[in-house]
Amino acid sequence: MQNPSHNYLKSGVAGMGFLIILGALTAFDSMSIEMYLPAFTVIQADLGLELGTLQLSLSVFLLGLAVGQAVWGPLADSYGRKTPLLIGIALFGAASAMVAMATGS
């Protein structure tokens, strides 16, 4: 009998694609922070924010990341991994688009 988890890690293109997607999903939070921190001064000047308010936005992001893991984990256990993952990616994309279109505080 073959191990079912081995099906995702087949050798070849399919297995490599799975690893790339899994790596990209794992890097979402790190990439978000790494792109956000260096742009603090530009964002502050562009939106006319105080530095404390901008720093608070990073705290809210980290809090949202923690709460998201606590909420999405049980949902993934209940409904499977794919649906909550796709919903989470859609929410991340929508929030990123809204932030990109922000014109003021």
PDB file of N, CA and C in Angstrom:
ATOM      1  N   MET A   1       0.841  -1.187   0.000  1.00  0.00           N
ATOM      2  CA  MET A   1       0.000   0.000   0.000  1.00  0.00           C
ATOM      3  C   MET A   1       0.880   1.243   0.000  1.00  0.00           C
ATOM      4  N   GLN A   2       0.537   2.190  -0.833  1.00  0.00           N
ATOM      5  CA  GLN A   2       1.345   3.391  -0.987  1.00  0.00           C
ATOM      6  C   GLN A   2       0.925   4.447   0.032  1.00  0.00           C
ATOM      7  N   ASN A   3       1.885   5.189   0.520  1.00  0.00           N
ATOM      8  CA  ASN A   3       1.620   6.268   1.470  1.00  0.00           C
ATOM      9  C   ASN A   3       0.894   7.401   0.738  1.00  0.00           C
ATOM     10  N   PRO A   4      -0.336   7.824   1.199  1.00  0.00           N
ATOM     11  CA  PRO A   4      -1.088   8.855   0.473  1.00  0.00           C
ATOM     12  C   PRO A   4      -0.396  10.207   0.437  1.00  0.00           C
ATOM     13  N   SER A   5       0.388  10.550   1.455  1.00  0.00           N
ATOM     14  CA  SER A   5       1.052  11.851   1.453  1.00  0.00           C
ATOM     15  C   SER A   5       2.159  11.910   0.410  1.00  0.00           C
ATOM     16  N   HIS A   6       2.617  10.749  -0.051  1.00  0.00           N
ATOM     17  CA  HIS A   6       3.677  10.717  -1.059  1.00  0.00           C
ATOM     18  C   HIS A   6       3.174  11.208  -2.412  1.00  0.00           C
ATOM     19  N   ASN A   7       1.865  11.174  -2.664  1.00  0.00           N
ATOM     20  CA  ASN A   7       1.322  11.589  -3.956  1.00  0.00           C
ATOM     21  C   ASN A   7       1.623  13.049  -4.270  1.00  0.00           C
ATOM     22  N   TYR A   8       1.682  13.913  -3.252  1.00  0.00           N
ATOM     23  CA  TYR A   8       1.939  15.331  -3.475  1.00  0.00           C
ATOM     24  C   TYR A   8       3.409  15.609  -3.771  1.00  0.00           C
ATOM     25  N   LEU A   9       4.268  14.735  -3.376  1.00  0.00           N
ATOM     26  CA  LEU A   9       5.691  14.972  -3.531  1.00  0.00           C
ATOM     27  C   LEU A   9       6.302  14.096  -4.611  1.00  0.00           C
ATOM     28  N   LYS A  10       5.557  13.877  -5.673  1.00  0.00           N
ATOM     29  CA  LYS A  10       6.063  13.092  -6.788  1.00  0.00           C
ATOM     30  C   LYS A  10       7.281  13.776  -7.370  1.00  0.00           C
ATOM     31  N   SER A  11       8.173  12.981  -7.894  1.00  0.00           N
ATOM     32  CA  SER A  11       9.323  13.584  -8.554  1.00  0.00           C
ATOM     33  C   SER A  11       8.867  14.167  -9.879  1.00  0.00           C
ATOM     34  N   GLY A  12       9.565  15.153 -10.337  1.00  0.00           N
ATOM     35  CA  GLY A  12       9.234  15.763 -11.610  1.00  0.00           C
ATOM     36  C   GLY A  12       8.613  17.130 -11.429  1.00  0.00           C
ATOM     37  N   VAL A  13       7.964  17.602 -12.490  1.00  0.00           N
ATOM     38  CA  VAL A  13       7.424  18.949 -12.540  1.00  0.00           C
ATOM     39  C   VAL A  13       6.297  19.145 -11.534  1.00  0.00           C
ATOM     40  N   ALA A  14       5.390  18.191 -11.394  1.00  0.00           N
ATOM     41  CA  ALA A  14       4.261  18.340 -10.479  1.00  0.00           C
ATOM     42  C   ALA A  14       4.728  18.494  -9.042  1.00  0.00           C
ATOM     43  N   GLY A  15       5.696  17.687  -8.629  1.00  0.00           N
ATOM     44  CA  GLY A  15       6.219  17.785  -7.266  1.00  0.00           C
ATOM     45  C   GLY A  15       6.933  19.099  -7.035  1.00  0.00           C
ATOM     46  N   MET A  16       7.676  19.572  -8.019  1.00  0.00           N
ATOM     47  CA  MET A  16       8.385  20.840  -7.891  1.00  0.00           C
ATOM     48  C   MET A  16       7.401  22.002  -7.836  1.00  0.00           C
ATOM     49  N   GLY A  17       6.346  21.943  -8.626  1.00  0.00           N
ATOM     50  CA  GLY A  17       5.321  22.987  -8.595  1.00  0.00           C
ATOM     51  C   GLY A  17       4.654  23.074  -7.238  1.00  0.00           C
ATOM     52  N   PHE A  18       4.365  21.923  -6.649  1.00  0.00           N
ATOM     53  CA  PHE A  18       3.771  21.894  -5.317  1.00  0.00           C
ATOM     54  C   PHE A  18       4.691  22.556  -4.303  1.00  0.00           C
ATOM     55  N   LEU A  19       5.974  22.259  -4.368  1.00  0.00           N
ATOM     56  CA  LEU A  19       6.929  22.847  -3.432  1.00  0.00           C
ATOM     57  C   LEU A  19       7.068  24.354  -3.624  1.00  0.00           C
ATOM     58  N   ILE A  20       7.021  24.814  -4.859  1.00  0.00           N
ATOM     59  CA  ILE A  20       7.111  26.248  -5.131  1.00  0.00           C
ATOM     60  C   ILE A  20       5.892  26.973  -4.592  1.00  0.00           C
ATOM     61  N   ILE A  21       4.700  26.425  -4.825  1.00  0.00           N
ATOM     62  CA  ILE A  21       3.475  27.044  -4.320  1.00  0.00           C
ATOM     63  C   ILE A  21       3.474  27.058  -2.798  1.00  0.00           C
ATOM     64  N   LEU A  22       3.856  25.957  -2.191  1.00  0.00           N
ATOM     65  CA  LEU A  22       3.902  25.889  -0.731  1.00  0.00           C
ATOM     66  C   LEU A  22       4.907  26.890  -0.172  1.00  0.00           C
ATOM     67  N   GLY A  23       6.048  27.032  -0.800  1.00  0.00           N
ATOM     68  CA  GLY A  23       7.037  28.014  -0.368  1.00  0.00           C
ATOM     69  C   GLY A  23       6.543  29.441  -0.513  1.00  0.00           C
ATOM     70  N   ALA A  24       5.858  29.734  -1.621  1.00  0.00           N
ATOM     71  CA  ALA A  24       5.325  31.081  -1.832  1.00  0.00           C
ATOM     72  C   ALA A  24       4.260  31.415  -0.801  1.00  0.00           C
ATOM     73  N   LEU A  25       3.398  30.458  -0.487  1.00  0.00           N
ATOM     74  CA  LEU A  25       2.365  30.698   0.520  1.00  0.00           C
ATOM     75  C   LEU A  25       2.975  30.924   1.891  1.00  0.00           C
ATOM     76  N   THR A  26       4.031  30.220   2.195  1.00  0.00           N
ATOM     77  CA  THR A  26       4.709  30.378   3.474  1.00  0.00           C
ATOM     78  C   THR A  26       5.386  31.738   3.563  1.00  0.00           C
ATOM     79  N   ALA A  27       5.789  32.288   2.444  1.00  0.00           N
ATOM     80  CA  ALA A  27       6.526  33.548   2.434  1.00  0.00           C
ATOM     81  C   ALA A  27       5.633  34.785   2.423  1.00  0.00           C
ATOM     82  N   PHE A  28       4.314  34.643   2.321  1.00  0.00           N
ATOM     83  CA  PHE A  28       3.424  35.808   2.251  1.00  0.00           C
ATOM     84  C   PHE A  28       3.654  36.782   3.389  1.00  0.00           C
ATOM     85  N   ASP A  29       3.630  36.306   4.625  1.00  0.00           N
ATOM     86  CA  ASP A  29       3.752  37.223   5.755  1.00  0.00           C
ATOM     87  C   ASP A  29       5.130  37.856   5.818  1.00  0.00           C
ATOM     88  N   SER A  30       6.172  37.077   5.576  1.00  0.00           N
ATOM     89  CA  SER A  30       7.535  37.620   5.607  1.00  0.00           C
ATOM     90  C   SER A  30       7.742  38.659   4.509  1.00  0.00           C
ATOM     91  N   MET A  31       7.262  38.364   3.309  1.00  0.00           N
ATOM     92  CA  MET A  31       7.406  39.315   2.205  1.00  0.00           C
ATOM     93  C   MET A  31       6.635  40.593   2.483  1.00  0.00           C
ATOM     94  N   SER A  32       5.464  40.470   3.086  1.00  0.00           N
ATOM     95  CA  SER A  32       4.665  41.651   3.393  1.00  0.00           C
ATOM     96  C   SER A  32       5.406  42.581   4.341  1.00  0.00           C
ATOM     97  N   ILE A  33       5.985  42.019   5.376  1.00  0.00           N
ATOM     98  CA  ILE A  33       6.716  42.833   6.345  1.00  0.00           C
ATOM     99  C   ILE A  33       7.979  43.408   5.719  1.00  0.00           C
ATOM    100  N   GLU A  34       8.699  42.601   4.969  1.00  0.00           N
ATOM    101  CA  GLU A  34       9.958  43.052   4.378  1.00  0.00           C
ATOM    102  C   GLU A  34       9.753  44.150   3.330  1.00  0.00           C
ATOM    103  N   MET A  35       8.603  44.199   2.687  1.00  0.00           N
ATOM    104  CA  MET A  35       8.323  45.273   1.735  1.00  0.00           C
ATOM    105  C   MET A  35       7.771  46.506   2.436  1.00  0.00           C
ATOM    106  N   TYR A  36       7.120  46.308   3.557  1.00  0.00           N
ATOM    107  CA  TYR A  36       6.439  47.387   4.266  1.00  0.00           C
ATOM    108  C   TYR A  36       7.406  48.233   5.090  1.00  0.00           C
ATOM    109  N   LEU A  37       8.283  47.602   5.850  1.00  0.00           N
ATOM    110  CA  LEU A  37       9.175  48.337   6.745  1.00  0.00           C
ATOM    111  C   LEU A  37      10.070  49.356   6.049  1.00  0.00           C
ATOM    112  N   PRO A  38      10.740  49.001   4.953  1.00  0.00           N
ATOM    113  CA  PRO A  38      11.601  50.003   4.305  1.00  0.00           C
ATOM    114  C   PRO A  38      10.824  51.184   3.724  1.00  0.00           C
ATOM    115  N   ALA A  39       9.540  51.017   3.480  1.00  0.00           N
ATOM    116  CA  ALA A  39       8.739  52.082   2.875  1.00  0.00           C
ATOM    117  C   ALA A  39       8.064  52.976   3.912  1.00  0.00           C
ATOM    118  N   PHE A  40       8.370  52.793   5.192  1.00  0.00           N
ATOM    119  CA  PHE A  40       7.714  53.579   6.247  1.00  0.00           C
ATOM    120  C   PHE A  40       7.812  55.084   6.000  1.00  0.00           C
ATOM    121  N   THR A  41       8.996  55.587   5.697  1.00  0.00           N
ATOM    122  CA  THR A  41       9.152  57.034   5.532  1.00  0.00           C
ATOM    123  C   THR A  41       8.401  57.549   4.302  1.00  0.00           C
ATOM    124  N   VAL A  42       8.396  56.770   3.238  1.00  0.00           N
ATOM    125  CA  VAL A  42       7.676  57.177   2.032  1.00  0.00           C
ATOM    126  C   VAL A  42       6.166  57.175   2.291  1.00  0.00           C
ATOM    127  N   ILE A  43       5.674  56.144   2.956  1.00  0.00           N
ATOM    128  CA  ILE A  43       4.249  56.060   3.278  1.00  0.00           C
ATOM    129  C   ILE A  43       3.853  57.204   4.206  1.00  0.00           C
ATOM    130  N   GLN A  44       4.708  57.474   5.191  1.00  0.00           N
ATOM    131  CA  GLN A  44       4.429  58.548   6.142  1.00  0.00           C
ATOM    132  C   GLN A  44       4.303  59.888   5.423  1.00  0.00           C
ATOM    133  N   ALA A  45       5.217  60.170   4.524  1.00  0.00           N
ATOM    134  CA  ALA A  45       5.175  61.431   3.790  1.00  0.00           C
ATOM    135  C   ALA A  45       4.007  61.479   2.811  1.00  0.00           C
ATOM    136  N   ASP A  46       3.756  60.378   2.126  1.00  0.00           N
ATOM    137  CA  ASP A  46       2.712  60.340   1.101  1.00  0.00           C
ATOM    138  C   ASP A  46       1.313  60.478   1.694  1.00  0.00           C
ATOM    139  N   LEU A  47       1.070  59.804   2.813  1.00  0.00           N
ATOM    140  CA  LEU A  47      -0.256  59.834   3.412  1.00  0.00           C
ATOM    141  C   LEU A  47      -0.390  60.874   4.520  1.00  0.00           C
ATOM    142  N   GLY A  48       0.702  61.517   4.883  1.00  0.00           N
ATOM    143  CA  GLY A  48       0.663  62.547   5.917  1.00  0.00           C
ATOM    144  C   GLY A  48       0.346  61.986   7.293  1.00  0.00           C
ATOM    145  N   LEU A  49       0.926  60.848   7.614  1.00  0.00           N
ATOM    146  CA  LEU A  49       0.655  60.196   8.895  1.00  0.00           C
ATOM    147  C   LEU A  49       1.752  60.483   9.895  1.00  0.00           C
ATOM    148  N   GLU A  50       1.400  60.389  11.183  1.00  0.00           N
ATOM    149  CA  GLU A  50       2.419  60.442  12.221  1.00  0.00           C
ATOM    150  C   GLU A  50       3.088  59.071  12.276  1.00  0.00           C
ATOM    151  N   LEU A  51       4.345  59.057  12.716  1.00  0.00           N
ATOM    152  CA  LEU A  51       5.098  57.808  12.743  1.00  0.00           C
ATOM    153  C   LEU A  51       4.436  56.789  13.676  1.00  0.00           C
ATOM    154  N   GLY A  52       3.887  57.248  14.794  1.00  0.00           N
ATOM    155  CA  GLY A  52       3.221  56.337  15.734  1.00  0.00           C
ATOM    156  C   GLY A  52       2.022  55.638  15.109  1.00  0.00           C
ATOM    157  N   THR A  53       1.273  56.348  14.303  1.00  0.00           N
ATOM    158  CA  THR A  53       0.122  55.754  13.624  1.00  0.00           C
ATOM    159  C   THR A  53       0.571  54.705  12.622  1.00  0.00           C
ATOM    160  N   LEU A  54       1.628  54.997  11.926  1.00  0.00           N
ATOM    161  CA  LEU A  54       2.156  54.048  10.949  1.00  0.00           C
ATOM    162  C   LEU A  54       2.714  52.808  11.644  1.00  0.00           C
ATOM    163  N   GLN A  55       3.380  52.994  12.764  1.00  0.00           N
ATOM    164  CA  GLN A  55       3.891  51.859  13.523  1.00  0.00           C
ATOM    165  C   GLN A  55       2.743  51.013  14.066  1.00  0.00           C
ATOM    166  N   LEU A  56       1.652  51.657  14.424  1.00  0.00           N
ATOM    167  CA  LEU A  56       0.474  50.926  14.894  1.00  0.00           C
ATOM    168  C   LEU A  56      -0.086  50.034  13.795  1.00  0.00           C
ATOM    169  N   SER A  57       0.015  50.470  12.548  1.00  0.00           N
ATOM    170  CA  SER A  57      -0.477  49.640  11.443  1.00  0.00           C
ATOM    171  C   SER A  57       0.309  48.334  11.343  1.00  0.00           C
ATOM    172  N   LEU A  58       1.602  48.371  11.658  1.00  0.00           N
ATOM    173  CA  LEU A  58       2.403  47.150  11.657  1.00  0.00           C
ATOM    174  C   LEU A  58       1.970  46.234  12.800  1.00  0.00           C
ATOM    175  N   SER A  59       1.672  46.814  13.955  1.00  0.00           N
ATOM    176  CA  SER A  59       1.189  46.018  15.091  1.00  0.00           C
ATOM    177  C   SER A  59      -0.148  45.354  14.759  1.00  0.00           C
ATOM    178  N   VAL A  60      -1.020  46.082  14.095  1.00  0.00           N
ATOM    179  CA  VAL A  60      -2.317  45.522  13.699  1.00  0.00           C
ATOM    180  C   VAL A  60      -2.124  44.396  12.693  1.00  0.00           C
ATOM    181  N   PHE A  61      -1.169  44.556  11.774  1.00  0.00           N
ATOM    182  CA  PHE A  61      -0.866  43.495  10.814  1.00  0.00           C
ATOM    183  C   PHE A  61      -0.437  42.225  11.540  1.00  0.00           C
ATOM    184  N   LEU A  62       0.482  42.364  12.498  1.00  0.00           N
ATOM    185  CA  LEU A  62       0.972  41.194  13.229  1.00  0.00           C
ATOM    186  C   LEU A  62      -0.130  40.567  14.072  1.00  0.00           C
ATOM    187  N   LEU A  63      -0.993  41.389  14.664  1.00  0.00           N
ATOM    188  CA  LEU A  63      -2.129  40.867  15.413  1.00  0.00           C
ATOM    189  C   LEU A  63      -3.083  40.117  14.482  1.00  0.00           C
ATOM    190  N   GLY A  64      -3.338  40.688  13.313  1.00  0.00           N
ATOM    191  CA  GLY A  64      -4.182  40.017  12.327  1.00  0.00           C
ATOM    192  C   GLY A  64      -3.593  38.704  11.860  1.00  0.00           C
ATOM    193  N   LEU A  65      -2.285  38.658  11.733  1.00  0.00           N
ATOM    194  CA  LEU A  65      -1.607  37.422  11.346  1.00  0.00           C
ATOM    195  C   LEU A  65      -1.813  36.341  12.410  1.00  0.00           C
ATOM    196  N   ALA A  66      -1.673  36.728  13.672  1.00  0.00           N
ATOM    197  CA  ALA A  66      -1.854  35.771  14.772  1.00  0.00           C
ATOM    198  C   ALA A  66      -3.300  35.295  14.871  1.00  0.00           C
ATOM    199  N   VAL A  67      -4.243  36.223  14.798  1.00  0.00           N
ATOM    200  CA  VAL A  67      -5.661  35.857  14.875  1.00  0.00           C
ATOM    201  C   VAL A  67      -6.059  35.025  13.666  1.00  0.00           C
ATOM    202  N   GLY A  68      -5.524  35.387  12.510  1.00  0.00           N
ATOM    203  CA  GLY A  68      -5.826  34.622  11.296  1.00  0.00           C
ATOM    204  C   GLY A  68      -5.404  33.173  11.403  1.00  0.00           C
ATOM    205  N   GLN A  69      -4.238  32.928  11.981  1.00  0.00           N
ATOM    206  CA  GLN A  69      -3.791  31.551  12.151  1.00  0.00           C
ATOM    207  C   GLN A  69      -4.681  30.800  13.127  1.00  0.00           C
ATOM    208  N   ALA A  70      -5.139  31.496  14.160  1.00  0.00           N
ATOM    209  CA  ALA A  70      -6.010  30.855  15.146  1.00  0.00           C
ATOM    210  C   ALA A  70      -7.393  30.550  14.566  1.00  0.00           C
ATOM    211  N   VAL A  71      -7.846  31.370  13.624  1.00  0.00           N
ATOM    212  CA  VAL A  71      -9.176  31.177  13.029  1.00  0.00           C
ATOM    213  C   VAL A  71      -9.127  30.224  11.841  1.00  0.00           C
ATOM    214  N   TRP A  72      -8.177  30.442  10.929  1.00  0.00           N
ATOM    215  CA  TRP A  72      -8.135  29.644   9.701  1.00  0.00           C
ATOM    216  C   TRP A  72      -7.699  28.212   9.942  1.00  0.00           C
ATOM    217  N   GLY A  73      -6.905  27.975  10.969  1.00  0.00           N
ATOM    218  CA  GLY A  73      -6.463  26.613  11.261  1.00  0.00           C
ATOM    219  C   GLY A  73      -7.627  25.667  11.520  1.00  0.00           C
ATOM    220  N   PRO A  74      -8.509  26.005  12.484  1.00  0.00           N
ATOM    221  CA  PRO A  74      -9.677  25.146  12.717  1.00  0.00           C
ATOM    222  C   PRO A  74     -10.627  25.075  11.513  1.00  0.00           C
ATOM    223  N   LEU A  75     -10.750  26.177  10.765  1.00  0.00           N
ATOM    224  CA  LEU A  75     -11.594  26.140   9.562  1.00  0.00           C
ATOM    225  C   LEU A  75     -11.015  25.162   8.539  1.00  0.00           C
ATOM    226  N   ALA A  76      -9.706  25.163   8.400  1.00  0.00           N
ATOM    227  CA  ALA A  76      -9.070  24.235   7.466  1.00  0.00           C
ATOM    228  C   ALA A  76      -9.254  22.799   7.932  1.00  0.00           C
ATOM    229  N   ASP A  77      -9.244  22.573   9.232  1.00  0.00           N
ATOM    230  CA  ASP A  77      -9.482  21.228   9.748  1.00  0.00           C
ATOM    231  C   ASP A  77     -10.917  20.785   9.475  1.00  0.00           C
ATOM    232  N   SER A  78     -11.851  21.733   9.527  1.00  0.00           N
ATOM    233  CA  SER A  78     -13.266  21.396   9.326  1.00  0.00           C
ATOM    234  C   SER A  78     -13.649  21.253   7.859  1.00  0.00           C
ATOM    235  N   TYR A  79     -13.167  22.165   7.019  1.00  0.00           N
ATOM    236  CA  TYR A  79     -13.617  22.223   5.628  1.00  0.00           C
ATOM    237  C   TYR A  79     -12.578  21.771   4.615  1.00  0.00           C
ATOM    238  N   GLY A  80     -11.449  21.314   5.073  1.00  0.00           N
ATOM    239  CA  GLY A  80     -10.383  20.955   4.158  1.00  0.00           C
ATOM    240  C   GLY A  80      -9.434  22.124   3.983  1.00  0.00           C
ATOM    241  N   ARG A  81      -8.352  21.917   3.308  1.00  0.00           N
ATOM    242  CA  ARG A  81      -7.319  22.953   3.194  1.00  0.00           C
ATOM    243  C   ARG A  81      -7.556  23.925   2.032  1.00  0.00           C
ATOM    244  N   LYS A  82      -8.131  23.454   0.968  1.00  0.00           N
ATOM    245  CA  LYS A  82      -8.199  24.252  -0.253  1.00  0.00           C
ATOM    246  C   LYS A  82      -9.116  25.471  -0.131  1.00  0.00           C
ATOM    247  N   THR A  83     -10.338  25.290   0.331  1.00  0.00           N
ATOM    248  CA  THR A  83     -11.306  26.392   0.382  1.00  0.00           C
ATOM    249  C   THR A  83     -10.843  27.522   1.300  1.00  0.00           C
ATOM    250  N   PRO A  84     -10.460  27.254   2.566  1.00  0.00           N
ATOM    251  CA  PRO A  84      -9.965  28.357   3.399  1.00  0.00           C
ATOM    252  C   PRO A  84      -8.704  29.013   2.837  1.00  0.00           C
ATOM    253  N   LEU A  85      -7.853  28.224   2.184  1.00  0.00           N
ATOM    254  CA  LEU A  85      -6.644  28.787   1.594  1.00  0.00           C
ATOM    255  C   LEU A  85      -6.990  29.757   0.469  1.00  0.00           C
ATOM    256  N   LEU A  86      -7.891  29.373  -0.414  1.00  0.00           N
ATOM    257  CA  LEU A  86      -8.289  30.252  -1.515  1.00  0.00           C
ATOM    258  C   LEU A  86      -8.993  31.508  -1.007  1.00  0.00           C
ATOM    259  N   ILE A  87      -9.830  31.367   0.012  1.00  0.00           N
ATOM    260  CA  ILE A  87     -10.496  32.534   0.611  1.00  0.00           C
ATOM    261  C   ILE A  87      -9.459  33.466   1.231  1.00  0.00           C
ATOM    262  N   GLY A  88      -8.487  32.896   1.944  1.00  0.00           N
ATOM    263  CA  GLY A  88      -7.438  33.706   2.558  1.00  0.00           C
ATOM    264  C   GLY A  88      -6.600  34.449   1.533  1.00  0.00           C
ATOM    265  N   ILE A  89      -6.262  33.784   0.438  1.00  0.00           N
ATOM    266  CA  ILE A  89      -5.485  34.440  -0.617  1.00  0.00           C
ATOM    267  C   ILE A  89      -6.310  35.561  -1.255  1.00  0.00           C
ATOM    268  N   ALA A  90      -7.601  35.325  -1.462  1.00  0.00           N
ATOM    269  CA  ALA A  90      -8.467  36.365  -2.031  1.00  0.00           C
ATOM    270  C   ALA A  90      -8.565  37.569  -1.088  1.00  0.00           C
ATOM    271  N   LEU A  91      -8.709  37.324   0.201  1.00  0.00           N
ATOM    272  CA  LEU A  91      -8.753  38.425   1.174  1.00  0.00           C
ATOM    273  C   LEU A  91      -7.438  39.190   1.201  1.00  0.00           C
ATOM    274  N   PHE A  92      -6.326  38.474   1.151  1.00  0.00           N
ATOM    275  CA  PHE A  92      -5.006  39.107   1.132  1.00  0.00           C
ATOM    276  C   PHE A  92      -4.860  39.984  -0.111  1.00  0.00           C
ATOM    277  N   GLY A  93      -5.265  39.471  -1.250  1.00  0.00           N
ATOM    278  CA  GLY A  93      -5.177  40.242  -2.490  1.00  0.00           C
ATOM    279  C   GLY A  93      -6.078  41.468  -2.477  1.00  0.00           C
ATOM    280  N   ALA A  94      -7.303  41.310  -1.969  1.00  0.00           N
ATOM    281  CA  ALA A  94      -8.232  42.444  -1.903  1.00  0.00           C
ATOM    282  C   ALA A  94      -7.713  43.514  -0.949  1.00  0.00           C
ATOM    283  N   ALA A  95      -7.214  43.106   0.204  1.00  0.00           N
ATOM    284  CA  ALA A  95      -6.670  44.072   1.161  1.00  0.00           C
ATOM    285  C   ALA A  95      -5.442  44.773   0.584  1.00  0.00           C
ATOM    286  N   SER A  96      -4.595  44.040  -0.126  1.00  0.00           N
ATOM    287  CA  SER A  96      -3.417  44.651  -0.741  1.00  0.00           C
ATOM    288  C   SER A  96      -3.812  45.672  -1.798  1.00  0.00           C
ATOM    289  N   ALA A  97      -4.842  45.365  -2.575  1.00  0.00           N
ATOM    290  CA  ALA A  97      -5.316  46.305  -3.602  1.00  0.00           C
ATOM    291  C   ALA A  97      -5.888  47.553  -2.959  1.00  0.00           C
ATOM    292  N   MET A  98      -6.633  47.399  -1.858  1.00  0.00           N
ATOM    293  CA  MET A  98      -7.201  48.564  -1.178  1.00  0.00           C
ATOM    294  C   MET A  98      -6.103  49.444  -0.584  1.00  0.00           C
ATOM    295  N   VAL A  99      -5.069  48.830  -0.036  1.00  0.00           N
ATOM    296  CA  VAL A  99      -3.951  49.594   0.514  1.00  0.00           C
ATOM    297  C   VAL A  99      -3.223  50.343  -0.601  1.00  0.00           C
ATOM    298  N   ALA A 100      -3.053  49.690  -1.732  1.00  0.00           N
ATOM    299  CA  ALA A 100      -2.355  50.328  -2.856  1.00  0.00           C
ATOM    300  C   ALA A 100      -3.109  51.535  -3.385  1.00  0.00           C
ATOM    301  N   MET A 101      -4.432  51.549  -3.243  1.00  0.00           N
ATOM    302  CA  MET A 101      -5.242  52.658  -3.746  1.00  0.00           C
ATOM    303  C   MET A 101      -5.529  53.723  -2.690  1.00  0.00           C
ATOM    304  N   ALA A 102      -4.961  53.564  -1.487  1.00  0.00           N
ATOM    305  CA  ALA A 102      -5.204  54.535  -0.408  1.00  0.00           C
ATOM    306  C   ALA A 102      -4.638  55.897  -0.782  1.00  0.00           C
ATOM    307  N   THR A 103      -5.401  56.943  -0.506  1.00  0.00           N
ATOM    308  CA  THR A 103      -4.955  58.297  -0.825  1.00  0.00           C
ATOM    309  C   THR A 103      -4.767  59.159   0.411  1.00  0.00           C
ATOM    310  N   GLY A 104      -5.206  58.726   1.544  1.00  0.00           N
ATOM    311  CA  GLY A 104      -5.059  59.503   2.772  1.00  0.00           C
ATOM    312  C   GLY A 104      -5.441  58.686   3.968  1.00  0.00           C
ATOM    313  N   SER A 105      -5.249  59.272   5.150  1.00  0.00           N
ATOM    314  CA  SER A 105      -5.522  58.511   6.374  1.00  0.00           C
ATOM    315  C   SER A 105      -6.983  58.480   6.728  1.00  0.00           C
TER     316      SER A 105
END
